[in-house]
Amino acid sequence: MMSIESGKYYNLGGIGGRVWDMMETPIVIRQIIEHLLQEYEVDREICEQQVIRFLQQMKAEGMVQIVSSDSSTENTVEEKVGER
């Protein structure tokens, strides 16, 4: 994936790409985690940590917008327009 804004190329890998696809429309982070738990054999705690870390990195790069709530897994995340 390439950011039009920064000109950087991002290799998201298989699971990162799957998470990115789920963000095509705004989605609650908990829902991303639940989908991944159904699709892959992974411990819930590890999945939560990895998804949150991935999304924080994407946010730091300006690739996603995270709308905060009281719990990090209840936040809503969405792609920024024009980043695909």
Protein backbone atom coordinates (compact mmCIF):
# COMPACT_ATOMS: atom_id res chain seq x y z
CA MET A 1 0.00 0.00 0.00
CA MET A 2 1.25 3.48 -0.77
CA SER A 3 0.42 6.70 1.01
CA ILE A 4 -0.37 9.36 -1.56
CA GLU A 5 0.25 12.04 1.06
CA SER A 6 3.72 10.93 2.18
CA GLY A 7 4.83 8.91 -0.85
CA LYS A 8 5.80 6.03 1.46
CA TYR A 9 5.12 2.40 0.61
CA TYR A 10 3.82 0.12 3.39
CA ASN A 11 4.04 -3.68 3.28
CA LEU A 12 1.26 -4.70 5.64
CA GLY A 13 1.71 -8.45 5.36
CA GLY A 14 -1.20 -10.89 5.42
CA ILE A 15 -2.81 -10.04 8.73
CA GLY A 16 -2.04 -6.32 8.50
CA GLY A 17 -3.68 -6.33 5.09
CA ARG A 18 -6.69 -8.13 6.53
CA VAL A 19 -6.99 -5.51 9.29
CA TRP A 20 -6.69 -2.75 6.68
CA ASP A 21 -9.48 -4.32 4.61
CA MET A 22 -11.75 -4.39 7.67
CA MET A 23 -11.27 -0.64 8.07
CA GLU A 24 -12.79 0.13 4.67
CA THR A 25 -15.72 1.44 6.69
CA PRO A 26 -15.37 2.68 10.28
CA ILE A 27 -15.14 -0.26 12.67
CA VAL A 28 -14.77 -0.68 16.42
CA ILE A 29 -11.35 -2.11 17.32
CA ARG A 30 -13.02 -4.85 19.38
CA GLN A 31 -14.76 -6.03 16.19
CA ILE A 32 -11.42 -6.28 14.36
CA ILE A 33 -10.07 -8.38 17.22
CA GLU A 34 -13.14 -10.64 17.23
CA HIS A 35 -12.86 -11.23 13.46
CA LEU A 36 -9.17 -12.12 13.79
CA LEU A 37 -9.84 -14.50 16.69
CA GLN A 38 -12.36 -16.34 14.51
CA GLU A 39 -10.02 -16.49 11.51
CA TYR A 40 -6.70 -17.30 13.20
CA GLU A 41 -5.50 -19.38 16.12
CA VAL A 42 -4.21 -16.67 18.41
CA ASP A 43 -4.46 -15.83 22.11
CA ARG A 44 -6.93 -12.99 22.77
CA GLU A 45 -4.45 -10.92 24.81
CA ILE A 46 -1.73 -11.20 22.18
CA CYS A 47 -4.21 -10.37 19.42
CA GLU A 48 -5.41 -7.27 21.28
CA GLN A 49 -1.85 -6.09 21.91
CA GLN A 50 -0.78 -6.64 18.30
CA VAL A 51 -3.86 -4.98 16.78
CA ILE A 52 -3.59 -1.95 19.05
CA ARG A 53 0.15 -1.63 18.34
CA PHE A 54 -0.46 -1.91 14.58
CA LEU A 55 -3.20 0.73 14.67
CA GLN A 56 -1.08 3.06 16.79
CA GLN A 57 1.72 2.79 14.20
CA MET A 58 -0.71 3.49 11.37
CA LYS A 59 -2.08 6.47 13.29
CA ALA A 60 1.44 7.81 13.87
CA GLU A 61 2.01 7.60 10.10
CA GLY A 62 -1.24 9.45 9.46
CA MET A 63 -2.83 6.42 7.78
CA VAL A 64 -5.82 5.96 10.10
CA GLN A 65 -8.01 8.02 12.35
CA ILE A 66 -8.96 6.65 15.77
CA VAL A 67 -12.03 8.01 17.50
CA SER A 68 -11.53 7.60 21.25
CA SER A 69 -13.81 6.13 23.87
CA ASP A 70 -13.25 5.01 27.47
CA SER A 71 -11.68 1.67 26.45
CA SER A 72 -9.02 1.28 23.75
CA THR A 73 -10.82 -1.74 22.27
CA GLU A 74 -14.07 0.25 22.05
CA ASN A 75 -12.44 2.99 19.95
CA THR A 76 -13.55 3.27 16.34
CA VAL A 77 -10.89 3.24 13.61
CA GLU A 78 -11.13 4.19 9.97
CA GLU A 79 -8.80 4.64 7.01
CA LYS A 80 -8.04 8.18 6.01
CA VAL A 81 -9.56 9.01 2.63
CA GLY A 82 -7.20 8.69 -0.34
CA GLU A 83 -4.70 6.39 1.35
CA ARG A 84 -5.49 3.19 -0.56
